[in-house]
C-alpha cells in the first residue's frame, strides 16, 4: 500500500517512520502491515517564518539521513489560517476551534496530493503527540481520505513519543517547544 505520511516535524517523524516500516526495518519479509511511507511536508500553520524554516530544514535533514522519499509544498502562513486564528481569543490549547481548522487544512492538502499522485492511503505524524486531539484527527482523516477515494491509516503512535524525541536528539534534529501556530506560542507562556 502506497502511503503519504503528513509530517508536522522531524522529531515526530522519526519513530512513526520506524513503526510503519515495521518488519522491513528488521530485514524480515514484508507483510500487509508494513509501509515505506513517502513523507509529506505541508505546514502553513507554523509561525513565525524563522520557526517554519527550522522545522522544514530539520525534516529535510532527517529525510536525507534516511534516504526517504519526500513530497513538499513549501507554503508558509496561509492567509485563511492566519485570519481565522487571529480572530480567536487565547485559551486552553485543548479548547481551541482553530485546531480543527488547522488539522483539516493540512490533512485535506495531504489527501489531495495523495489522490493526484496515485497513493492508496494517508496518515499523519501528529498522531504521535500526546498533546494533539486524536479523535478529531482520526475523524477528519477518515472524512477527507474518503472524499478523495483513499484510506486513512490510523495508528496510535503515542506510546512512541518519548522514543521519537530521544531519536531526534541523538540525530541532532531541531526540537521545537510549541505546536506551531501563533496561538500555541501564547499557550506555552
N, C-alpha and C. Protein backbone atom coordinates (compact mmCIF):
# COMPACT_ATOMS: atom_id res chain seq x y z
N UNK A 1 0.85 -1.19 0.00
CA UNK A 1 0.00 0.00 0.00
C UNK A 1 0.89 1.24 0.00
N UNK A 2 0.64 2.13 -0.93
CA UNK A 2 1.39 3.37 -1.01
C UNK A 2 0.80 4.39 -0.03
N UNK A 3 1.63 4.85 0.89
CA UNK A 3 1.20 5.73 1.96
C UNK A 3 1.88 7.08 1.87
N UNK A 4 1.09 8.16 1.90
CA UNK A 4 1.63 9.51 2.01
C UNK A 4 1.45 9.94 3.46
N UNK A 5 2.56 10.17 4.14
CA UNK A 5 2.57 10.48 5.56
C UNK A 5 2.83 11.96 5.78
N UNK A 6 1.78 12.69 6.18
CA UNK A 6 1.97 14.10 6.51
C UNK A 6 2.89 14.19 7.72
N UNK A 7 3.91 15.05 7.64
CA UNK A 7 4.88 15.21 8.73
C UNK A 7 4.81 16.63 9.26
N UNK A 8 4.47 16.72 10.55
CA UNK A 8 4.42 18.03 11.18
C UNK A 8 5.82 18.52 11.55
N UNK A 9 6.75 17.57 11.78
CA UNK A 9 8.13 17.93 12.13
C UNK A 9 8.98 16.67 12.11
N UNK A 10 10.29 16.86 12.14
CA UNK A 10 11.22 15.73 12.13
C UNK A 10 11.15 14.89 13.40
N UNK A 11 11.12 15.50 14.61
CA UNK A 11 11.06 14.66 15.80
C UNK A 11 9.86 13.70 15.81
N UNK A 12 8.72 14.16 15.36
CA UNK A 12 7.55 13.29 15.31
C UNK A 12 7.69 12.23 14.22
N UNK A 13 8.39 12.52 13.16
CA UNK A 13 8.53 11.58 12.05
C UNK A 13 9.40 10.38 12.40
N UNK A 14 10.40 10.56 13.27
CA UNK A 14 11.40 9.51 13.48
C UNK A 14 10.77 8.16 13.84
N UNK A 15 10.10 8.07 14.95
CA UNK A 15 9.54 6.79 15.40
C UNK A 15 8.33 6.36 14.57
N UNK A 16 7.59 7.33 14.02
CA UNK A 16 6.46 6.97 13.15
C UNK A 16 6.97 6.20 11.93
N UNK A 17 8.01 6.71 11.30
CA UNK A 17 8.56 6.05 10.12
C UNK A 17 9.07 4.66 10.48
N UNK A 18 9.80 4.56 11.58
CA UNK A 18 10.30 3.25 12.01
C UNK A 18 9.15 2.28 12.25
N UNK A 19 8.09 2.73 12.90
CA UNK A 19 6.95 1.88 13.19
C UNK A 19 6.25 1.43 11.91
N UNK A 20 6.09 2.33 10.96
CA UNK A 20 5.41 2.00 9.72
C UNK A 20 6.22 1.02 8.88
N UNK A 21 7.53 1.14 8.93
CA UNK A 21 8.37 0.21 8.20
C UNK A 21 8.30 -1.18 8.81
N UNK A 22 8.01 -1.22 10.12
CA UNK A 22 7.81 -2.50 10.80
C UNK A 22 8.91 -3.50 10.56
N UNK A 23 8.53 -4.67 10.10
CA UNK A 23 9.49 -5.74 9.91
C UNK A 23 10.45 -5.46 8.76
N UNK A 24 10.09 -4.52 7.88
CA UNK A 24 11.03 -4.17 6.80
C UNK A 24 12.33 -3.63 7.37
N UNK A 25 12.23 -2.84 8.45
CA UNK A 25 13.42 -2.28 9.08
C UNK A 25 14.27 -3.37 9.69
N UNK A 26 13.65 -4.46 10.12
CA UNK A 26 14.39 -5.56 10.74
C UNK A 26 14.89 -6.55 9.70
N UNK A 27 14.56 -6.32 8.44
CA UNK A 27 15.02 -7.21 7.37
C UNK A 27 14.13 -8.42 7.17
N UNK A 28 12.97 -8.45 7.79
CA UNK A 28 12.05 -9.57 7.62
C UNK A 28 11.28 -9.42 6.31
N UNK A 29 10.54 -10.45 5.98
CA UNK A 29 9.68 -10.40 4.80
C UNK A 29 8.55 -9.41 5.06
N UNK A 30 8.25 -8.59 4.08
CA UNK A 30 7.21 -7.57 4.25
C UNK A 30 5.84 -8.22 4.42
N UNK A 31 5.03 -7.62 5.25
CA UNK A 31 3.66 -8.08 5.43
C UNK A 31 2.73 -6.97 4.97
N UNK A 32 1.44 -7.22 5.03
CA UNK A 32 0.47 -6.21 4.61
C UNK A 32 0.45 -5.00 5.53
N UNK A 33 1.03 -5.13 6.71
CA UNK A 33 1.01 -4.01 7.65
C UNK A 33 2.30 -3.18 7.59
N UNK A 34 3.18 -3.49 6.68
CA UNK A 34 4.42 -2.73 6.55
C UNK A 34 4.28 -1.69 5.44
N UNK A 35 4.78 -0.50 5.72
CA UNK A 35 4.70 0.59 4.77
C UNK A 35 6.05 1.27 4.70
N UNK A 36 6.46 1.63 3.52
CA UNK A 36 7.59 2.53 3.39
C UNK A 36 6.96 3.84 2.92
N UNK A 37 6.69 4.72 3.87
CA UNK A 37 5.92 5.91 3.52
C UNK A 37 6.73 6.93 2.73
N UNK A 38 6.01 7.67 1.92
CA UNK A 38 6.55 8.89 1.35
C UNK A 38 6.16 9.99 2.30
N UNK A 39 7.13 10.76 2.75
CA UNK A 39 6.85 11.83 3.70
C UNK A 39 6.31 13.05 2.96
N UNK A 40 5.45 13.80 3.63
CA UNK A 40 4.81 14.96 3.00
C UNK A 40 4.91 16.16 3.94
N UNK A 41 5.53 17.21 3.46
CA UNK A 41 5.67 18.45 4.21
C UNK A 41 4.67 19.46 3.70
N UNK A 42 3.72 19.82 4.55
CA UNK A 42 2.80 20.92 4.28
C UNK A 42 2.31 21.42 5.63
N UNK A 43 2.84 22.56 6.05
CA UNK A 43 2.55 23.09 7.38
C UNK A 43 2.52 24.62 7.37
N UNK A 44 1.55 25.21 6.68
CA UNK A 44 1.48 26.67 6.61
C UNK A 44 1.09 27.31 7.95
N UNK A 45 0.74 26.49 8.92
CA UNK A 45 0.34 26.97 10.24
C UNK A 45 1.53 27.43 11.08
N UNK A 46 2.74 27.02 10.74
CA UNK A 46 3.89 27.29 11.60
C UNK A 46 4.27 28.76 11.55
N UNK A 47 4.43 29.32 12.73
CA UNK A 47 4.66 30.75 12.91
C UNK A 47 5.74 30.94 13.96
N UNK A 48 6.65 31.86 13.82
CA UNK A 48 6.90 32.75 12.70
C UNK A 48 7.71 32.07 11.59
N UNK A 49 8.08 32.81 10.59
CA UNK A 49 8.78 32.28 9.42
C UNK A 49 10.08 31.59 9.80
N UNK A 50 10.83 32.14 10.74
CA UNK A 50 12.10 31.52 11.17
C UNK A 50 11.84 30.12 11.75
N UNK A 51 10.76 29.98 12.50
CA UNK A 51 10.40 28.67 13.07
C UNK A 51 10.02 27.69 11.96
N UNK A 52 9.27 28.19 11.00
CA UNK A 52 8.89 27.37 9.85
C UNK A 52 10.13 26.80 9.18
N UNK A 53 11.13 27.65 8.94
CA UNK A 53 12.35 27.21 8.26
C UNK A 53 13.13 26.20 9.10
N UNK A 54 13.19 26.40 10.41
CA UNK A 54 13.90 25.45 11.28
C UNK A 54 13.25 24.06 11.20
N UNK A 55 11.95 24.03 11.25
CA UNK A 55 11.25 22.74 11.22
C UNK A 55 11.36 22.07 9.85
N UNK A 56 11.19 22.86 8.82
CA UNK A 56 11.31 22.30 7.46
C UNK A 56 12.72 21.77 7.23
N UNK A 57 13.72 22.54 7.62
CA UNK A 57 15.11 22.12 7.41
C UNK A 57 15.46 20.87 8.22
N UNK A 58 14.90 20.75 9.43
CA UNK A 58 15.14 19.55 10.23
C UNK A 58 14.53 18.32 9.54
N UNK A 59 13.34 18.47 8.96
CA UNK A 59 12.73 17.35 8.26
C UNK A 59 13.55 16.99 7.02
N UNK A 60 14.02 18.00 6.30
CA UNK A 60 14.86 17.73 5.13
C UNK A 60 16.13 16.98 5.53
N UNK A 61 16.70 17.33 6.66
CA UNK A 61 17.90 16.63 7.15
C UNK A 61 17.57 15.18 7.48
N UNK A 62 16.45 14.95 8.16
CA UNK A 62 16.02 13.60 8.50
C UNK A 62 15.78 12.76 7.24
N UNK A 63 15.12 13.34 6.27
CA UNK A 63 14.86 12.66 5.00
C UNK A 63 16.17 12.28 4.32
N UNK A 64 17.11 13.21 4.31
CA UNK A 64 18.40 12.98 3.68
C UNK A 64 19.19 11.87 4.40
N UNK A 65 19.21 11.92 5.73
CA UNK A 65 19.93 10.90 6.52
C UNK A 65 19.40 9.50 6.26
N UNK A 66 18.10 9.41 6.06
CA UNK A 66 17.44 8.11 5.93
C UNK A 66 17.06 7.76 4.50
N UNK A 67 17.42 8.61 3.56
CA UNK A 67 17.12 8.38 2.15
C UNK A 67 15.65 8.03 1.93
N UNK A 68 14.81 8.89 2.47
CA UNK A 68 13.37 8.70 2.38
C UNK A 68 12.78 9.54 1.26
N UNK A 69 11.73 9.06 0.62
CA UNK A 69 11.05 9.88 -0.39
C UNK A 69 10.27 11.01 0.30
N UNK A 70 10.23 12.17 -0.35
CA UNK A 70 9.56 13.34 0.21
C UNK A 70 8.81 14.09 -0.88
N UNK A 71 7.59 14.45 -0.55
CA UNK A 71 6.81 15.40 -1.33
C UNK A 71 6.69 16.63 -0.45
N UNK A 72 6.73 17.81 -1.06
CA UNK A 72 6.71 19.02 -0.25
C UNK A 72 5.95 20.13 -0.95
N UNK A 73 5.13 20.81 -0.18
CA UNK A 73 4.51 22.05 -0.64
C UNK A 73 4.97 23.10 0.34
N UNK A 74 5.85 23.95 -0.12
CA UNK A 74 6.51 24.93 0.75
C UNK A 74 5.68 26.20 0.78
N UNK A 75 4.69 26.19 1.65
CA UNK A 75 3.78 27.32 1.79
C UNK A 75 3.73 27.71 3.26
N UNK A 76 4.10 28.91 3.55
CA UNK A 76 4.11 29.36 4.93
C UNK A 76 3.09 30.48 5.10
N UNK A 77 2.32 30.40 6.18
CA UNK A 77 1.42 31.50 6.51
C UNK A 77 0.18 31.58 5.66
N UNK A 78 -0.54 30.48 5.55
CA UNK A 78 -1.81 30.51 4.82
C UNK A 78 -2.66 31.68 5.31
N UNK A 79 -3.05 32.54 4.42
CA UNK A 79 -3.82 33.73 4.80
C UNK A 79 -5.11 33.37 5.54
N UNK A 80 -5.83 32.39 5.01
CA UNK A 80 -7.08 31.99 5.65
C UNK A 80 -6.83 31.49 7.07
N UNK A 81 -5.79 30.67 7.22
CA UNK A 81 -5.46 30.13 8.54
C UNK A 81 -5.10 31.25 9.51
N UNK A 82 -4.25 32.15 9.08
CA UNK A 82 -3.82 33.24 9.95
C UNK A 82 -4.99 34.16 10.31
N UNK A 83 -5.87 34.42 9.36
CA UNK A 83 -7.02 35.28 9.64
C UNK A 83 -7.95 34.63 10.66
N UNK A 84 -8.25 33.34 10.45
CA UNK A 84 -9.15 32.66 11.37
C UNK A 84 -8.56 32.54 12.77
N UNK A 85 -7.29 32.21 12.85
CA UNK A 85 -6.63 32.10 14.15
C UNK A 85 -6.58 33.46 14.82
N UNK A 86 -6.38 34.51 14.03
CA UNK A 86 -6.27 35.85 14.59
C UNK A 86 -7.54 36.33 15.25
N UNK A 87 -8.69 35.75 14.90
CA UNK A 87 -9.96 36.18 15.50
C UNK A 87 -10.27 35.43 16.79
N UNK A 88 -9.45 34.46 17.11
CA UNK A 88 -9.71 33.65 18.29
C UNK A 88 -9.05 34.25 19.52
N UNK A 89 -9.68 34.08 20.64
CA UNK A 89 -9.08 34.55 21.89
C UNK A 89 -8.22 33.45 22.48
N UNK A 90 -7.11 33.82 23.11
CA UNK A 90 -6.26 32.80 23.72
C UNK A 90 -7.03 32.01 24.77
N UNK A 91 -6.75 30.75 24.85
CA UNK A 91 -7.41 29.90 25.84
C UNK A 91 -6.61 28.62 25.99
N UNK A 92 -7.21 27.66 26.64
CA UNK A 92 -6.54 26.38 26.78
C UNK A 92 -6.39 25.75 25.40
N UNK A 93 -5.24 25.15 25.15
CA UNK A 93 -4.95 24.56 23.85
C UNK A 93 -6.01 23.54 23.44
N UNK A 94 -6.51 22.74 24.37
CA UNK A 94 -7.48 21.70 24.01
C UNK A 94 -8.86 22.26 23.71
N UNK A 95 -9.12 23.51 23.98
CA UNK A 95 -10.43 24.11 23.74
C UNK A 95 -10.46 24.99 22.49
N UNK A 96 -9.44 24.99 21.71
CA UNK A 96 -9.34 25.92 20.59
C UNK A 96 -9.98 25.36 19.32
N UNK A 97 -10.94 26.07 18.74
CA UNK A 97 -11.53 25.63 17.47
C UNK A 97 -10.55 25.72 16.31
N UNK A 98 -9.51 26.53 16.44
CA UNK A 98 -8.57 26.65 15.33
C UNK A 98 -7.82 25.35 15.09
N UNK A 99 -7.71 24.48 16.09
CA UNK A 99 -7.03 23.20 15.90
C UNK A 99 -7.73 22.38 14.81
N UNK A 100 -9.05 22.32 14.86
CA UNK A 100 -9.77 21.55 13.84
C UNK A 100 -9.54 22.13 12.46
N UNK A 101 -9.56 23.45 12.35
CA UNK A 101 -9.33 24.08 11.06
C UNK A 101 -7.92 23.78 10.56
N UNK A 102 -6.96 23.82 11.46
CA UNK A 102 -5.57 23.57 11.10
C UNK A 102 -5.36 22.12 10.67
N UNK A 103 -5.91 21.18 11.43
CA UNK A 103 -5.82 19.77 11.04
C UNK A 103 -6.46 19.56 9.66
N UNK A 104 -7.65 20.15 9.48
CA UNK A 104 -8.37 19.98 8.22
C UNK A 104 -7.56 20.52 7.04
N UNK A 105 -7.01 21.68 7.20
CA UNK A 105 -6.22 22.30 6.14
C UNK A 105 -5.07 21.39 5.71
N UNK A 106 -4.34 20.87 6.68
CA UNK A 106 -3.16 20.05 6.35
C UNK A 106 -3.55 18.66 5.85
N UNK A 107 -4.57 18.05 6.45
CA UNK A 107 -4.98 16.73 6.01
C UNK A 107 -5.66 16.76 4.64
N UNK A 108 -6.39 17.83 4.37
CA UNK A 108 -7.02 17.92 3.04
C UNK A 108 -5.96 18.08 1.95
N UNK A 109 -4.95 18.87 2.21
CA UNK A 109 -3.87 19.02 1.23
C UNK A 109 -3.13 17.69 1.05
N UNK A 110 -2.95 16.95 2.13
CA UNK A 110 -2.31 15.64 2.06
C UNK A 110 -3.14 14.69 1.19
N UNK A 111 -4.45 14.66 1.43
CA UNK A 111 -5.34 13.78 0.67
C UNK A 111 -5.36 14.17 -0.81
N UNK A 112 -5.44 15.45 -1.11
CA UNK A 112 -5.46 15.90 -2.50
C UNK A 112 -4.17 15.50 -3.22
N UNK A 113 -3.05 15.71 -2.57
CA UNK A 113 -1.76 15.35 -3.16
C UNK A 113 -1.66 13.84 -3.35
N UNK A 114 -2.11 13.08 -2.35
CA UNK A 114 -2.06 11.62 -2.43
C UNK A 114 -2.92 11.10 -3.59
N UNK A 115 -4.13 11.62 -3.72
CA UNK A 115 -5.02 11.19 -4.80
C UNK A 115 -4.42 11.53 -6.16
N UNK A 116 -3.87 12.73 -6.26
CA UNK A 116 -3.29 13.18 -7.53
C UNK A 116 -2.10 12.32 -7.94
N UNK A 117 -1.35 11.82 -6.97
CA UNK A 117 -0.13 11.10 -7.28
C UNK A 117 -0.25 9.58 -7.15
N UNK A 118 -1.46 9.08 -7.00
CA UNK A 118 -1.67 7.64 -7.02
C UNK A 118 -1.37 6.88 -5.74
N UNK A 119 -1.43 7.56 -4.59
CA UNK A 119 -1.27 6.87 -3.31
C UNK A 119 -2.58 6.19 -2.95
N UNK A 120 -2.49 5.20 -2.07
CA UNK A 120 -3.66 4.48 -1.60
C UNK A 120 -4.18 5.00 -0.27
N UNK A 121 -3.26 5.55 0.54
CA UNK A 121 -3.61 5.90 1.92
C UNK A 121 -2.83 7.13 2.37
N UNK A 122 -3.37 7.76 3.42
CA UNK A 122 -2.69 8.88 4.07
C UNK A 122 -2.68 8.64 5.58
N UNK A 123 -1.76 9.31 6.23
CA UNK A 123 -1.72 9.35 7.69
C UNK A 123 -0.94 10.60 8.08
N UNK A 124 -0.72 10.78 9.38
CA UNK A 124 0.00 11.96 9.84
C UNK A 124 0.81 11.65 11.09
N UNK A 125 1.95 12.29 11.20
CA UNK A 125 2.79 12.15 12.40
C UNK A 125 2.20 12.90 13.58
N UNK A 126 1.18 13.70 13.38
CA UNK A 126 0.50 14.34 14.50
C UNK A 126 0.00 13.30 15.50
N UNK A 127 -0.20 12.09 15.04
CA UNK A 127 -0.73 11.01 15.87
C UNK A 127 0.27 10.48 16.90
N UNK A 128 1.49 10.99 16.91
CA UNK A 128 2.46 10.56 17.92
C UNK A 128 2.40 11.45 19.16
N UNK A 129 1.84 12.61 19.03
CA UNK A 129 1.86 13.57 20.13
C UNK A 129 0.74 13.35 21.13
N UNK A 130 1.08 13.26 22.41
CA UNK A 130 0.03 13.19 23.43
C UNK A 130 -0.69 14.52 23.61
N UNK A 131 -0.20 15.57 22.96
CA UNK A 131 -0.79 16.91 23.09
C UNK A 131 -1.81 17.22 21.99
N UNK A 132 -1.92 16.34 20.99
CA UNK A 132 -2.86 16.57 19.90
C UNK A 132 -4.18 15.86 20.17
N UNK A 133 -5.19 16.24 19.42
CA UNK A 133 -6.55 15.72 19.59
C UNK A 133 -6.76 14.52 18.66
N UNK A 134 -6.48 13.33 19.16
CA UNK A 134 -6.51 12.14 18.32
C UNK A 134 -7.88 11.84 17.72
N UNK A 135 -8.93 11.97 18.51
CA UNK A 135 -10.26 11.69 17.98
C UNK A 135 -10.60 12.62 16.82
N UNK A 136 -10.24 13.88 16.97
CA UNK A 136 -10.50 14.86 15.92
C UNK A 136 -9.67 14.56 14.68
N UNK A 137 -8.40 14.26 14.88
CA UNK A 137 -7.51 13.96 13.75
C UNK A 137 -8.03 12.73 13.00
N UNK A 138 -8.42 11.72 13.75
CA UNK A 138 -8.91 10.49 13.12
C UNK A 138 -10.20 10.76 12.34
N UNK A 139 -11.13 11.48 12.95
CA UNK A 139 -12.41 11.80 12.29
C UNK A 139 -12.16 12.56 10.99
N UNK A 140 -11.34 13.60 11.07
CA UNK A 140 -11.05 14.41 9.88
C UNK A 140 -10.28 13.60 8.83
N UNK A 141 -9.32 12.81 9.29
CA UNK A 141 -8.53 12.00 8.37
C UNK A 141 -9.39 11.03 7.59
N UNK A 142 -10.29 10.35 8.30
CA UNK A 142 -11.18 9.40 7.63
C UNK A 142 -12.14 10.11 6.68
N UNK A 143 -12.67 11.24 7.11
CA UNK A 143 -13.60 12.01 6.26
C UNK A 143 -12.91 12.47 4.97
N UNK A 144 -11.75 13.08 5.12
CA UNK A 144 -11.06 13.64 3.95
C UNK A 144 -10.48 12.56 3.05
N UNK A 145 -9.95 11.51 3.64
CA UNK A 145 -9.44 10.40 2.82
C UNK A 145 -10.58 9.81 1.99
N UNK A 146 -11.74 9.63 2.62
CA UNK A 146 -12.90 9.09 1.92
C UNK A 146 -13.32 9.96 0.75
N UNK A 147 -13.27 11.27 0.93
CA UNK A 147 -13.65 12.20 -0.14
C UNK A 147 -12.74 12.07 -1.36
N UNK A 148 -11.51 11.63 -1.13
CA UNK A 148 -10.54 11.50 -2.22
C UNK A 148 -10.33 10.05 -2.64
N UNK A 149 -11.16 9.14 -2.15
CA UNK A 149 -11.05 7.73 -2.52
C UNK A 149 -9.84 7.03 -1.93
N UNK A 150 -9.43 7.48 -0.75
CA UNK A 150 -8.26 6.93 -0.08
C UNK A 150 -8.65 6.29 1.25
N UNK A 151 -7.69 5.67 1.88
CA UNK A 151 -7.83 5.12 3.22
C UNK A 151 -7.04 6.02 4.16
N UNK A 152 -7.61 6.29 5.33
CA UNK A 152 -6.85 6.98 6.37
C UNK A 152 -6.30 5.92 7.30
N UNK A 153 -4.99 5.81 7.36
CA UNK A 153 -4.34 4.84 8.23
C UNK A 153 -4.19 5.46 9.61
N UNK A 154 -5.03 5.01 10.54
CA UNK A 154 -4.92 5.49 11.91
C UNK A 154 -4.03 4.54 12.70
N UNK A 155 -3.02 5.11 13.30
CA UNK A 155 -2.19 4.37 14.25
C UNK A 155 -1.99 5.27 15.46
N UNK A 156 -2.17 4.71 16.62
CA UNK A 156 -1.90 5.47 17.85
C UNK A 156 -0.41 5.33 18.15
N UNK A 157 0.34 6.31 17.69
CA UNK A 157 1.79 6.31 17.86
C UNK A 157 2.22 6.87 19.22
N UNK A 158 1.28 7.33 20.04
CA UNK A 158 1.64 8.00 21.30
C UNK A 158 2.60 7.20 22.19
N UNK A 159 2.50 5.87 22.27
CA UNK A 159 3.47 5.16 23.09
C UNK A 159 4.93 5.34 22.62
N UNK A 160 5.11 5.80 21.39
CA UNK A 160 6.46 6.00 20.84
C UNK A 160 6.95 7.44 21.01
N UNK A 161 6.18 8.29 21.66
CA UNK A 161 6.51 9.71 21.74
C UNK A 161 7.89 9.98 22.34
N UNK A 162 8.17 9.42 23.50
CA UNK A 162 9.48 9.65 24.15
C UNK A 162 10.62 9.09 23.32
N UNK A 163 10.39 7.93 22.72
CA UNK A 163 11.40 7.33 21.84
C UNK A 163 11.70 8.24 20.65
N UNK A 164 10.66 8.82 20.08
CA UNK A 164 10.86 9.70 18.93
C UNK A 164 11.67 10.93 19.31
N UNK A 165 11.41 11.46 20.49
CA UNK A 165 12.18 12.63 20.94
C UNK A 165 13.63 12.25 21.19
N UNK A 166 13.86 11.09 21.78
CA UNK A 166 15.24 10.62 22.02
C UNK A 166 15.97 10.42 20.70
N UNK A 167 15.29 9.85 19.71
CA UNK A 167 15.91 9.66 18.40
C UNK A 167 16.28 11.00 17.77
N UNK A 168 15.37 11.94 17.86
CA UNK A 168 15.62 13.27 17.26
C UNK A 168 16.83 13.94 17.93
N UNK A 169 16.90 13.85 19.25
CA UNK A 169 18.06 14.43 19.96
C UNK A 169 19.35 13.75 19.54
N UNK A 170 19.33 12.42 19.44
CA UNK A 170 20.51 11.65 19.05
C UNK A 170 20.97 12.03 17.64
N UNK A 171 20.02 12.37 16.78
CA UNK A 171 20.35 12.76 15.41
C UNK A 171 20.70 14.24 15.28
N UNK A 172 20.54 14.99 16.37
CA UNK A 172 20.82 16.42 16.35
C UNK A 172 19.79 17.24 15.60
N UNK A 173 18.55 16.74 15.56
CA UNK A 173 17.49 17.45 14.86
C UNK A 173 16.89 18.55 15.74
N UNK A 174 16.44 19.60 15.12
CA UNK A 174 15.81 20.71 15.84
C UNK A 174 14.58 20.22 16.59
N UNK A 175 14.47 20.62 17.85
CA UNK A 175 13.34 20.23 18.71
C UNK A 175 12.56 21.49 19.08
N UNK A 176 11.35 21.60 18.58
CA UNK A 176 10.52 22.77 18.85
C UNK A 176 9.90 22.72 20.23
N UNK A 177 9.40 23.87 20.68
CA UNK A 177 8.84 23.98 22.02
C UNK A 177 7.32 24.22 22.03
N UNK A 178 6.70 24.28 20.86
CA UNK A 178 5.25 24.52 20.78
C UNK A 178 4.71 23.93 19.49
N UNK A 179 3.39 23.82 19.42
CA UNK A 179 2.72 23.16 18.31
C UNK A 179 3.08 23.78 16.96
N UNK A 180 2.99 25.10 16.88
CA UNK A 180 3.34 25.73 15.61
C UNK A 180 2.67 27.04 15.34
N UNK A 181 1.38 27.15 15.68
CA UNK A 181 0.65 28.38 15.35
C UNK A 181 0.92 29.47 16.37
N UNK A 182 0.51 30.66 16.03
CA UNK A 182 0.70 31.81 16.93
C UNK A 182 -0.02 31.58 18.26
N UNK A 183 -1.18 30.93 18.23
CA UNK A 183 -1.92 30.67 19.46
C UNK A 183 -1.16 29.72 20.38
N UNK A 184 -0.46 28.74 19.81
CA UNK A 184 0.26 27.80 20.66
C UNK A 184 1.50 28.44 21.28
N UNK A 185 2.02 29.49 20.65
CA UNK A 185 3.13 30.23 21.27
C UNK A 185 2.61 30.87 22.56
N UNK A 186 1.44 31.49 22.48
CA UNK A 186 0.85 32.12 23.68
C UNK A 186 0.54 31.09 24.74
N UNK A 187 0.14 29.90 24.33
CA UNK A 187 -0.22 28.85 25.27
C UNK A 187 0.96 28.31 26.07
N UNK A 188 2.17 28.46 25.55
CA UNK A 188 3.33 27.94 26.27
C UNK A 188 3.87 28.93 27.27
N UNK A 189 3.39 30.17 27.26
CA UNK A 189 3.91 31.19 28.17
C UNK A 189 3.23 31.15 29.51
